[in-house]
Each structure stands twice: as C-alpha cells, then as structure tokens.
Amino acid sequence: MFKKQTESPIRTDNSTQPAALQPRRSPPIPEPGGPAGRLTVGPDIRLKSAAIEDCDTLYVEGRVEASMDSRVLQIEQSGTFVGAAKIDEAEIHGHFEGDLTARERLVIHKTGKVTGTIRYGRLTIEEGGEVAGDIAAAGSELPATKPNLAPVGNDKPAESAKSAG
C-alpha cells in the first residue's frame, strides 16, 4: 500500500538559484602536478605579522596582516588583507589595505574595496567596487624631480630662458 520513496525530497543542485543565493564554494583543490602551494585563511582565522613566501595562491576569508610575494591573491567578501602584496593576479571581493602590486591583472568585484598604493598590469573594476589611493599602471612611476620648464608665455626653451633671465 505504501510506496518506498527512493528519491530525496531535498535538492542539492543549486544551479537554478540566482548566484547571490547559491552557497559560496571553496576554491578548487589543485590538480596533481599543478601548483600545490595554496594557503587558505578561513573566515574565523586571523593571521598577523606574517611574511608569506613560496605560496602559489593565498585564499583569504578571514583577516591577514602580512607581506607576500606570490602568484595569486583571492580575497573573499568576508576577507581582509592588510599589508604589502606583490602578486601576478588578484581577485578582490573583500577588503585590501596597503601596498598592492598586481603584475598581470587586478580585478575588484562589486563588493571589493582596495585602498593604498596600487599598481597593476590590467585593471577591472565591477560597478560598485571601490578603489582609493595612489593608483597607477605598473611601470608608470612618477618622475622623482620636476622637469625644468620655462615660465608660461615664454617661447624660448627652458635652457635659453635661464640664460636670458
């Protein structure tokens, strides 16, 4: 009389839900033979006064106060990085404060906020993303000294303006 239920009434496939309602997935586990130096700082973890070395990918869900030179930095919405980072690629969903050099690519997502001295190869900022501070493309440093300019309205080159005055 009663039929045994073989299918679970709870759906585990979230692909039909909007992205905002889908649960956050952990980063993929590296493939064998691929980059293995991955460090994940979980949501309730604080890593303070660290120098992160030989780390291929830093995945931040908690708070990191450190300096690093690496390949990839990914800061989740709940994550904060304070310090200095020189990396190839950065994806910022959370907060970064300090000196950031993204040699190849910097992506600031709509929930991301980056403040400080920022250098980048390519820059993408989603609508809603925030960036503030000293921002420039990598390699475009400001000159250390002011150029020797002639006074306004003088047609002579700067050198002849000096000798004429």
C-alpha atoms as a PDB file:
ATOM      1  CA  MET A   1       0.000   0.000   0.000  1.00  0.00           C
ATOM      2  CA  PHE A   2       2.796   2.417   0.829  1.00  0.00           C
ATOM      3  CA  LYS A   3       5.437   3.029  -1.745  1.00  0.00           C
ATOM      4  CA  LYS A   4       9.017   3.388  -0.547  1.00  0.00           C
ATOM      5  CA  GLN A   5      10.447   6.753  -1.506  1.00  0.00           C
ATOM      6  CA  THR A   6      13.767   6.372  -3.300  1.00  0.00           C
ATOM      7  CA  GLU A   7      14.407   9.979  -4.229  1.00  0.00           C
ATOM      8  CA  SER A   8      15.419  12.589  -1.658  1.00  0.00           C
ATOM      9  CA  PRO A   9      12.944  15.481  -1.367  1.00  0.00           C
ATOM     10  CA  ILE A  10      15.844  17.890  -0.753  1.00  0.00           C
ATOM     11  CA  ARG A  11      17.524  19.301  -3.843  1.00  0.00           C
ATOM     12  CA  THR A  12      21.260  19.563  -3.743  1.00  0.00           C
ATOM     13  CA  ASP A  13      21.612  21.153  -7.186  1.00  0.00           C
ATOM     14  CA  ASN A  14      21.650  24.926  -6.748  1.00  0.00           C
ATOM     15  CA  SER A  15      22.219  25.753 -10.405  1.00  0.00           C
ATOM     16  CA  THR A  16      18.673  27.096 -10.822  1.00  0.00           C
ATOM     17  CA  GLN A  17      19.072  29.585  -7.971  1.00  0.00           C
ATOM     18  CA  PRO A  18      20.414  33.080  -8.612  1.00  0.00           C
ATOM     19  CA  ALA A  19      24.162  33.367  -7.971  1.00  0.00           C
ATOM     20  CA  ALA A  20      23.585  35.554  -4.892  1.00  0.00           C
ATOM     21  CA  LEU A  21      21.553  32.776  -3.227  1.00  0.00           C
ATOM     22  CA  GLN A  22      23.919  29.938  -4.043  1.00  0.00           C
ATOM     23  CA  PRO A  23      26.253  28.908  -1.232  1.00  0.00           C
ATOM     24  CA  ARG A  24      29.863  30.061  -1.574  1.00  0.00           C
ATOM     25  CA  ARG A  25      32.068  27.238  -2.776  1.00  0.00           C
ATOM     26  CA  SER A  26      35.597  26.677  -1.599  1.00  0.00           C
ATOM     27  CA  PRO A  27      38.331  27.136  -4.172  1.00  0.00           C
ATOM     28  CA  PRO A  28      39.055  24.057  -6.254  1.00  0.00           C
ATOM     29  CA  ILE A  29      41.655  21.620  -4.986  1.00  0.00           C
ATOM     30  CA  PRO A  30      44.757  21.835  -7.180  1.00  0.00           C
ATOM     31  CA  GLU A  31      45.170  19.127  -9.782  1.00  0.00           C
ATOM     32  CA  PRO A  32      48.037  16.663  -9.299  1.00  0.00           C
ATOM     33  CA  GLY A  33      51.129  18.024 -10.983  1.00  0.00           C
ATOM     34  CA  GLY A  34      49.734  21.579 -10.804  1.00  0.00           C
ATOM     35  CA  PRO A  35      50.537  24.358  -8.342  1.00  0.00           C
ATOM     36  CA  ALA A  36      50.298  22.923  -4.833  1.00  0.00           C
ATOM     37  CA  GLY A  37      51.351  25.882  -2.664  1.00  0.00           C
ATOM     38  CA  ARG A  38      47.898  27.086  -1.635  1.00  0.00           C
ATOM     39  CA  LEU A  39      47.112  28.685   1.736  1.00  0.00           C
ATOM     40  CA  THR A  40      43.531  29.222   2.861  1.00  0.00           C
ATOM     41  CA  VAL A  41      42.801  31.540   5.780  1.00  0.00           C
ATOM     42  CA  GLY A  42      39.297  30.610   6.947  1.00  0.00           C
ATOM     43  CA  PRO A  43      36.546  33.039   7.971  1.00  0.00           C
ATOM     44  CA  ASP A  44      37.281  32.955  11.720  1.00  0.00           C
ATOM     45  CA  ILE A  45      41.095  32.995  11.364  1.00  0.00           C
ATOM     46  CA  ARG A  46      43.469  35.934  11.902  1.00  0.00           C
ATOM     47  CA  LEU A  47      46.991  35.664  10.518  1.00  0.00           C
ATOM     48  CA  LYS A  48      49.092  38.525  11.884  1.00  0.00           C
ATOM     49  CA  SER A  49      52.674  39.744  11.348  1.00  0.00           C
ATOM     50  CA  ALA A  50      53.500  37.152   8.718  1.00  0.00           C
ATOM     51  CA  ALA A  51      55.804  37.078   5.723  1.00  0.00           C
ATOM     52  CA  ILE A  52      54.160  34.680   3.278  1.00  0.00           C
ATOM     53  CA  GLU A  53      56.659  33.004   0.954  1.00  0.00           C
ATOM     54  CA  ASP A  54      56.556  30.125  -1.535  1.00  0.00           C
ATOM     55  CA  CYS A  55      52.759  30.289  -1.675  1.00  0.00           C
ATOM     56  CA  ASP A  56      51.241  29.919  -5.132  1.00  0.00           C
ATOM     57  CA  THR A  57      47.734  31.041  -4.100  1.00  0.00           C
ATOM     58  CA  LEU A  58      46.526  32.824  -0.962  1.00  0.00           C
ATOM     59  CA  TYR A  59      42.779  32.485  -0.422  1.00  0.00           C
ATOM     60  CA  VAL A  60      41.523  34.881   2.303  1.00  0.00           C
ATOM     61  CA  GLU A  61      38.180  34.503   4.049  1.00  0.00           C
ATOM     62  CA  GLY A  62      39.405  35.825   7.424  1.00  0.00           C
ATOM     63  CA  ARG A  63      41.928  38.560   8.230  1.00  0.00           C
ATOM     64  CA  VAL A  64      45.566  38.591   7.111  1.00  0.00           C
ATOM     65  CA  GLU A  65      48.138  41.181   8.186  1.00  0.00           C
ATOM     66  CA  ALA A  66      51.223  40.261   6.200  1.00  0.00           C
ATOM     67  CA  SER A  67      53.637  40.848   3.373  1.00  0.00           C
ATOM     68  CA  MET A  68      53.779  38.461   0.453  1.00  0.00           C
ATOM     69  CA  ASP A  69      55.241  37.889  -2.985  1.00  0.00           C
ATOM     70  CA  SER A  70      53.222  35.244  -4.766  1.00  0.00           C
ATOM     71  CA  ARG A  71      51.275  34.308  -7.869  1.00  0.00           C
ATOM     72  CA  VAL A  72      47.578  34.654  -6.927  1.00  0.00           C
ATOM     73  CA  LEU A  73      45.705  36.503  -4.178  1.00  0.00           C
ATOM     74  CA  GLN A  74      41.980  35.933  -3.790  1.00  0.00           C
ATOM     75  CA  ILE A  75      40.123  37.831  -1.078  1.00  0.00           C
ATOM     76  CA  GLU A  76      36.568  36.689  -0.464  1.00  0.00           C
ATOM     77  CA  GLN A  77      33.759  39.037   0.606  1.00  0.00           C
ATOM     78  CA  SER A  78      34.356  38.221   4.288  1.00  0.00           C
ATOM     79  CA  GLY A  79      38.144  38.577   3.899  1.00  0.00           C
ATOM     80  CA  THR A  80      40.552  41.399   4.690  1.00  0.00           C
ATOM     81  CA  PHE A  81      44.235  41.733   3.779  1.00  0.00           C
ATOM     82  CA  VAL A  82      46.319  44.487   5.380  1.00  0.00           C
ATOM     83  CA  GLY A  83      49.946  44.867   4.347  1.00  0.00           C
ATOM     84  CA  ALA A  84      52.016  44.578   1.190  1.00  0.00           C
ATOM     85  CA  ALA A  85      51.459  42.132  -1.662  1.00  0.00           C
ATOM     86  CA  LYS A  86      53.346  41.691  -4.919  1.00  0.00           C
ATOM     87  CA  ILE A  87      51.468  39.165  -6.988  1.00  0.00           C
ATOM     88  CA  ASP A  88      50.666  38.210 -10.560  1.00  0.00           C
ATOM     89  CA  GLU A  89      46.868  38.207 -10.237  1.00  0.00           C
ATOM     90  CA  ALA A  90      44.450  39.496  -7.596  1.00  0.00           C
ATOM     91  CA  GLU A  91      40.701  38.997  -7.268  1.00  0.00           C
ATOM     92  CA  ILE A  92      39.211  41.208  -4.564  1.00  0.00           C
ATOM     93  CA  HIS A  93      35.691  40.549  -3.268  1.00  0.00           C
ATOM     94  CA  GLY A  94      36.532  41.809   0.249  1.00  0.00           C
ATOM     95  CA  HIS A  95      38.988  44.434   1.513  1.00  0.00           C
ATOM     96  CA  PHE A  96      42.636  45.157   0.771  1.00  0.00           C
ATOM     97  CA  GLU A  97      44.558  47.937   2.546  1.00  0.00           C
ATOM     98  CA  GLY A  98      48.224  48.714   1.916  1.00  0.00           C
ATOM     99  CA  ASP A  99      50.651  48.346  -0.986  1.00  0.00           C
ATOM    100  CA  LEU A 100      49.325  46.150  -3.789  1.00  0.00           C
ATOM    101  CA  THR A 101      51.196  45.328  -6.985  1.00  0.00           C
ATOM    102  CA  ALA A 102      49.293  43.047  -9.361  1.00  0.00           C
ATOM    103  CA  ARG A 103      51.857  42.498 -12.094  1.00  0.00           C
ATOM    104  CA  GLU A 104      49.403  40.998 -14.596  1.00  0.00           C
ATOM    105  CA  ARG A 105      45.779  41.518 -13.538  1.00  0.00           C
ATOM    106  CA  LEU A 106      43.757  43.163 -10.756  1.00  0.00           C
ATOM    107  CA  VAL A 107      40.012  42.531 -10.535  1.00  0.00           C
ATOM    108  CA  ILE A 108      37.947  44.425  -7.981  1.00  0.00           C
ATOM    109  CA  HIS A 109      34.480  42.911  -7.733  1.00  0.00           C
ATOM    110  CA  LYS A 110      31.313  44.814  -6.777  1.00  0.00           C
ATOM    111  CA  THR A 111      31.802  44.041  -3.074  1.00  0.00           C
ATOM    112  CA  GLY A 112      35.556  44.750  -3.162  1.00  0.00           C
ATOM    113  CA  LYS A 113      37.348  47.732  -1.662  1.00  0.00           C
ATOM    114  CA  VAL A 114      41.056  48.472  -2.240  1.00  0.00           C
ATOM    115  CA  THR A 115      42.896  51.358  -0.565  1.00  0.00           C
ATOM    116  CA  GLY A 116      46.552  52.319  -0.553  1.00  0.00           C
ATOM    117  CA  THR A 117      49.288  52.305  -3.171  1.00  0.00           C
ATOM    118  CA  ILE A 118      48.050  50.241  -6.101  1.00  0.00           C
ATOM    119  CA  ARG A 119      49.977  49.172  -9.207  1.00  0.00           C
ATOM    120  CA  TYR A 120      48.507  46.892 -11.845  1.00  0.00           C
ATOM    121  CA  GLY A 121      49.118  45.366 -15.273  1.00  0.00           C
ATOM    122  CA  ARG A 122      45.428  45.278 -16.288  1.00  0.00           C
ATOM    123  CA  LEU A 123      42.594  46.611 -14.132  1.00  0.00           C
ATOM    124  CA  THR A 124      38.917  45.620 -13.995  1.00  0.00           C
ATOM    125  CA  ILE A 125      36.500  47.220 -11.526  1.00  0.00           C
ATOM    126  CA  GLU A 126      32.922  45.976 -11.394  1.00  0.00           C
ATOM    127  CA  GLU A 127      30.186  48.505 -10.770  1.00  0.00           C
ATOM    128  CA  GLY A 128      30.078  49.017  -7.004  1.00  0.00           C
ATOM    129  CA  GLY A 129      33.747  48.127  -6.461  1.00  0.00           C
ATOM    130  CA  GLU A 130      35.809  50.790  -4.690  1.00  0.00           C
ATOM    131  CA  VAL A 131      39.411  51.869  -5.128  1.00  0.00           C
ATOM    132  CA  ALA A 132      41.189  54.780  -3.423  1.00  0.00           C
ATOM    133  CA  GLY A 133      44.773  55.927  -3.015  1.00  0.00           C
ATOM    134  CA  ASP A 134      47.807  56.231  -5.271  1.00  0.00           C
ATOM    135  CA  ILE A 135      46.747  54.244  -8.339  1.00  0.00           C
ATOM    136  CA  ALA A 136      48.809  53.697 -11.496  1.00  0.00           C
ATOM    137  CA  ALA A 137      49.605  51.128 -14.135  1.00  0.00           C
ATOM    138  CA  ALA A 138      52.670  49.045 -13.260  1.00  0.00           C
ATOM    139  CA  GLY A 139      55.841  50.678 -14.531  1.00  0.00           C
ATOM    140  CA  SER A 140      54.323  54.160 -14.749  1.00  0.00           C
ATOM    141  CA  GLU A 141      56.135  55.716 -11.816  1.00  0.00           C
ATOM    142  CA  LEU A 142      56.065  59.489 -11.378  1.00  0.00           C
ATOM    143  CA  PRO A 143      59.363  61.294 -12.088  1.00  0.00           C
ATOM    144  CA  ALA A 144      61.475  61.908  -8.981  1.00  0.00           C
ATOM    145  CA  THR A 145      62.214  65.532  -9.929  1.00  0.00           C
ATOM    146  CA  LYS A 146      60.174  68.230 -11.602  1.00  0.00           C
ATOM    147  CA  PRO A 147      61.140  68.996 -15.192  1.00  0.00           C
ATOM    148  CA  ASN A 148      62.859  72.344 -15.851  1.00  0.00           C
ATOM    149  CA  LEU A 149      60.023  74.278 -17.527  1.00  0.00           C
ATOM    150  CA  ALA A 150      60.176  77.776 -18.971  1.00  0.00           C
ATOM    151  CA  PRO A 151      57.814  80.385 -17.491  1.00  0.00           C
ATOM    152  CA  VAL A 152      54.354  80.485 -19.079  1.00  0.00           C
ATOM    153  CA  GLY A 153      54.198  82.720 -22.152  1.00  0.00           C
ATOM    154  CA  ASN A 154      57.903  82.410 -22.980  1.00  0.00           C
ATOM    155  CA  ASP A 155      58.553  80.889 -26.425  1.00  0.00           C
ATOM    156  CA  LYS A 156      62.198  80.113 -25.636  1.00  0.00           C
ATOM    157  CA  PRO A 157      63.294  76.624 -24.458  1.00  0.00           C
ATOM    158  CA  ALA A 158      63.940  76.222 -20.734  1.00  0.00           C
ATOM    159  CA  GLU A 159      67.771  76.420 -21.087  1.00  0.00           C
ATOM    160  CA  SER A 160      67.735  79.664 -23.056  1.00  0.00           C
ATOM    161  CA  ALA A 161      65.120  81.122 -20.697  1.00  0.00           C
ATOM    162  CA  LYS A 162      67.595  80.597 -17.811  1.00  0.00           C
ATOM    163  CA  SER A 163      70.454  82.359 -19.586  1.00  0.00           C
ATOM    164  CA  ALA A 164      68.209  85.213 -20.787  1.00  0.00           C
ATOM    165  CA  GLY A 165      66.907  85.946 -17.262  1.00  0.00           C
END
